[in-house]
């Protein structure tokens, strides 16, 4: 379940936030009604970013082997297809 809390809860209710994060939830923190940050466990962060790091490394290797380059318009139009 999504948890949205004011950033002041980091100071005032840290154990509750820790329990939510340990349970696998991300906690969205707001400041003055606007999103300020997201708190999550290191394991959840790694789960979200490890594949991205692998794919970026793969793209770097492919770029080193080829002279073909794409504009950002090319890339984003291919992603939207």
Protein backbone atom coordinates (compact mmCIF):
# COMPACT_ATOMS: atom_id res chain seq x y z
CA UNK A 1 0.00 0.00 0.00
CA UNK A 2 1.28 3.48 -0.85
CA UNK A 3 2.17 5.53 2.20
CA UNK A 4 2.32 9.30 1.87
CA UNK A 5 3.54 11.20 4.91
CA UNK A 6 4.84 14.65 5.75
CA UNK A 7 8.62 14.88 5.92
CA UNK A 8 8.31 15.81 9.61
CA UNK A 9 7.37 12.15 10.23
CA UNK A 10 11.04 11.27 9.69
CA UNK A 11 11.74 12.95 12.98
CA UNK A 12 8.46 12.33 14.80
CA UNK A 13 7.52 8.81 13.67
CA UNK A 14 10.71 7.20 12.42
CA UNK A 15 9.93 3.73 13.86
CA UNK A 16 6.66 3.62 11.86
CA UNK A 17 8.48 4.58 8.67
CA UNK A 18 11.20 1.99 9.38
CA UNK A 19 8.57 -0.73 9.83
CA UNK A 20 6.87 0.19 6.56
CA UNK A 21 10.19 0.17 4.71
CA UNK A 22 11.25 -3.14 6.29
CA UNK A 23 7.90 -4.54 5.15
CA UNK A 24 8.82 -3.76 1.55
CA UNK A 25 6.80 -0.57 1.14
CA UNK A 26 8.18 2.69 -0.14
CA UNK A 27 7.19 5.76 1.86
CA UNK A 28 6.56 8.97 -0.07
CA UNK A 29 7.40 12.09 1.94
CA UNK A 30 5.95 15.50 1.27
CA UNK A 31 7.06 18.99 2.22
CA UNK A 32 4.47 21.77 2.14
CA UNK A 33 2.13 19.45 0.25
CA UNK A 34 4.58 18.60 -2.53
CA UNK A 35 6.59 15.43 -3.07
CA UNK A 36 10.02 15.75 -1.48
CA UNK A 37 11.54 12.24 -1.41
CA UNK A 38 10.90 8.52 -1.26
CA UNK A 39 12.30 6.29 1.47
CA UNK A 40 12.85 2.60 0.71
CA UNK A 41 15.05 -0.26 1.83
CA UNK A 42 18.44 -0.76 0.20
CA UNK A 43 17.19 -4.12 -1.09
CA UNK A 44 14.17 -2.52 -2.79
CA UNK A 45 16.38 0.20 -4.29
CA UNK A 46 18.78 -2.43 -5.63
CA UNK A 47 15.84 -4.38 -7.07
CA UNK A 48 14.74 -1.28 -8.96
CA UNK A 49 18.16 -0.21 -10.20
CA UNK A 50 20.24 -3.37 -10.75
CA UNK A 51 18.58 -4.20 -14.07
CA UNK A 52 19.01 -0.60 -15.17
CA UNK A 53 22.74 -0.70 -14.39
CA UNK A 54 23.07 -3.96 -16.33
CA UNK A 55 21.25 -2.50 -19.34
CA UNK A 56 23.34 0.67 -19.29
CA UNK A 57 26.52 -1.41 -19.22
CA UNK A 58 25.16 -3.45 -22.11
CA UNK A 59 24.40 -0.25 -24.06
CA UNK A 60 27.92 1.05 -23.40
CA UNK A 61 29.41 -2.17 -24.78
CA UNK A 62 27.17 -2.01 -27.88
CA UNK A 63 28.10 1.65 -28.46
CA UNK A 64 31.80 0.82 -28.23
CA UNK A 65 31.37 -1.79 -30.97
CA UNK A 66 29.42 0.43 -33.39
CA UNK A 67 29.63 3.88 -34.96
CA UNK A 68 25.82 4.16 -35.18
CA UNK A 69 24.39 6.89 -32.96
CA UNK A 70 20.75 7.81 -32.34
CA UNK A 71 19.19 11.15 -31.46
CA UNK A 72 16.98 11.36 -28.40
CA UNK A 73 14.00 11.74 -30.78
CA UNK A 74 14.89 8.39 -32.37
CA UNK A 75 15.19 6.69 -29.03
CA UNK A 76 11.98 8.04 -27.54
CA UNK A 77 9.94 7.38 -30.68
CA UNK A 78 11.13 3.75 -30.62
CA UNK A 79 10.22 3.45 -26.94
CA UNK A 80 6.70 4.73 -27.51
CA UNK A 81 6.05 2.12 -30.24
